[in-house]
Amino acid sequence: MYPGADYAGKWFGYVGPFVTMLILFGILKALGMLRVHAHEEVEGLDTVEHGMPAYGHDGGGMASASFQGSAAQA
């Protein structure tokens, strides 16, 4: 075997893709393409993208209801 073959395999298998994605996501972050607009984040992406809330009108959803139910039983 070649002594450098192991290092080349690690570079192309692990380090190369990591460095490539680090650069790509750094560019996307610098361009502001990784986050939604502030008003969409406040309003909620479910409402902005689908036109209705995902968890009912109170914003609590099923997790909130089951939590309140278990608190009421105690």
C-alpha atoms as a PDB file:
ATOM      1  CA  MET A   1       0.000   0.000   0.000  1.00  0.00           C
ATOM      2  CA  TYR A   2       0.957   3.572  -0.460  1.00  0.00           C
ATOM      3  CA  PRO A   3       1.675   5.457   2.770  1.00  0.00           C
ATOM      4  CA  GLY A   4      -0.292   8.537   1.684  1.00  0.00           C
ATOM      5  CA  ALA A   5      -3.350   6.617   0.524  1.00  0.00           C
ATOM      6  CA  ASP A   6      -4.893   6.640   3.995  1.00  0.00           C
ATOM      7  CA  TYR A   7      -4.526  10.402   4.309  1.00  0.00           C
ATOM      8  CA  ALA A   8      -5.944  10.976   0.837  1.00  0.00           C
ATOM      9  CA  GLY A   9      -8.954   8.815   1.672  1.00  0.00           C
ATOM     10  CA  LYS A  10      -9.596  10.747   4.871  1.00  0.00           C
ATOM     11  CA  TRP A  11      -9.303  14.036   3.023  1.00  0.00           C
ATOM     12  CA  PHE A  12     -11.762  13.126   0.269  1.00  0.00           C
ATOM     13  CA  GLY A  13     -14.098  11.297   2.628  1.00  0.00           C
ATOM     14  CA  TYR A  14     -14.257  13.593   5.665  1.00  0.00           C
ATOM     15  CA  VAL A  15     -12.249  16.789   5.548  1.00  0.00           C
ATOM     16  CA  GLY A  16     -12.987  17.804   1.961  1.00  0.00           C
ATOM     17  CA  PRO A  17     -16.800  17.700   2.263  1.00  0.00           C
ATOM     18  CA  PHE A  18     -16.652  19.419   5.666  1.00  0.00           C
ATOM     19  CA  VAL A  19     -14.545  22.286   4.333  1.00  0.00           C
ATOM     20  CA  THR A  20     -16.701  22.569   1.200  1.00  0.00           C
ATOM     21  CA  MET A  21     -19.945  22.788   3.194  1.00  0.00           C
ATOM     22  CA  LEU A  22     -18.367  25.196   5.693  1.00  0.00           C
ATOM     23  CA  ILE A  23     -17.529  27.532   2.829  1.00  0.00           C
ATOM     24  CA  LEU A  24     -20.949  27.084   1.176  1.00  0.00           C
ATOM     25  CA  PHE A  25     -22.923  27.769   4.354  1.00  0.00           C
ATOM     26  CA  GLY A  26     -20.641  30.706   5.176  1.00  0.00           C
ATOM     27  CA  ILE A  27     -21.539  32.244   1.821  1.00  0.00           C
ATOM     28  CA  LEU A  28     -25.259  31.587   2.362  1.00  0.00           C
ATOM     29  CA  LYS A  29     -25.081  33.143   5.829  1.00  0.00           C
ATOM     30  CA  ALA A  30     -23.240  36.208   4.491  1.00  0.00           C
ATOM     31  CA  LEU A  31     -25.935  36.648   1.840  1.00  0.00           C
ATOM     32  CA  GLY A  32     -28.693  36.327   4.460  1.00  0.00           C
ATOM     33  CA  MET A  33     -30.262  33.260   2.862  1.00  0.00           C
ATOM     34  CA  LEU A  34     -30.336  30.962   5.902  1.00  0.00           C
ATOM     35  CA  ARG A  35     -33.060  32.711   7.899  1.00  0.00           C
ATOM     36  CA  VAL A  36     -36.583  33.858   7.189  1.00  0.00           C
ATOM     37  CA  HIS A  37     -37.570  37.510   7.433  1.00  0.00           C
ATOM     38  CA  ALA A  38     -38.273  38.811  10.936  1.00  0.00           C
ATOM     39  CA  HIS A  39     -41.982  39.443  10.295  1.00  0.00           C
ATOM     40  CA  GLU A  40     -42.431  35.870   9.018  1.00  0.00           C
ATOM     41  CA  GLU A  41     -40.703  34.510  12.109  1.00  0.00           C
ATOM     42  CA  VAL A  42     -42.930  36.528  14.436  1.00  0.00           C
ATOM     43  CA  GLU A  43     -46.135  35.677  12.579  1.00  0.00           C
ATOM     44  CA  GLY A  44     -45.187  32.016  12.255  1.00  0.00           C
ATOM     45  CA  LEU A  45     -44.098  30.086   9.189  1.00  0.00           C
ATOM     46  CA  ASP A  46     -47.175  27.883   9.253  1.00  0.00           C
ATOM     47  CA  THR A  47     -49.405  30.934   8.820  1.00  0.00           C
ATOM     48  CA  VAL A  48     -47.159  32.574   6.225  1.00  0.00           C
ATOM     49  CA  GLU A  49     -46.656  29.469   4.088  1.00  0.00           C
ATOM     50  CA  HIS A  50     -49.970  27.636   4.563  1.00  0.00           C
ATOM     51  CA  GLY A  51     -52.403  30.389   5.488  1.00  0.00           C
ATOM     52  CA  MET A  52     -53.481  28.944   8.858  1.00  0.00           C
ATOM     53  CA  PRO A  53     -51.950  28.144  12.239  1.00  0.00           C
ATOM     54  CA  ALA A  54     -50.711  24.602  12.753  1.00  0.00           C
ATOM     55  CA  TYR A  55     -51.698  24.221  16.414  1.00  0.00           C
ATOM     56  CA  GLY A  56     -55.041  25.928  16.739  1.00  0.00           C
ATOM     57  CA  HIS A  57     -55.879  29.522  17.529  1.00  0.00           C
ATOM     58  CA  ASP A  58     -54.454  29.639  21.048  1.00  0.00           C
ATOM     59  CA  GLY A  59     -51.026  28.589  19.829  1.00  0.00           C
ATOM     60  CA  GLY A  60     -50.828  25.814  22.409  1.00  0.00           C
ATOM     61  CA  GLY A  61     -51.742  22.784  20.373  1.00  0.00           C
ATOM     62  CA  MET A  62     -52.053  19.238  21.630  1.00  0.00           C
ATOM     63  CA  ALA A  63     -48.873  19.372  23.720  1.00  0.00           C
ATOM     64  CA  SER A  64     -50.261  22.355  25.620  1.00  0.00           C
ATOM     65  CA  ALA A  65     -53.634  20.655  26.147  1.00  0.00           C
ATOM     66  CA  SER A  66     -52.093  17.437  27.455  1.00  0.00           C
ATOM     67  CA  PHE A  67     -49.811  19.410  29.757  1.00  0.00           C
ATOM     68  CA  GLN A  68     -52.735  21.399  31.147  1.00  0.00           C
ATOM     69  CA  GLY A  69     -54.722  18.214  31.593  1.00  0.00           C
ATOM     70  CA  SER A  70     -51.983  16.539  33.560  1.00  0.00           C
ATOM     71  CA  ALA A  71     -51.554  19.648  35.712  1.00  0.00           C
ATOM     72  CA  ALA A  72     -55.276  19.718  36.448  1.00  0.00           C
ATOM     73  CA  GLN A  73     -55.198  16.087  37.600  1.00  0.00           C
ATOM     74  CA  ALA A  74     -52.434  16.732  40.136  1.00  0.00           C
END
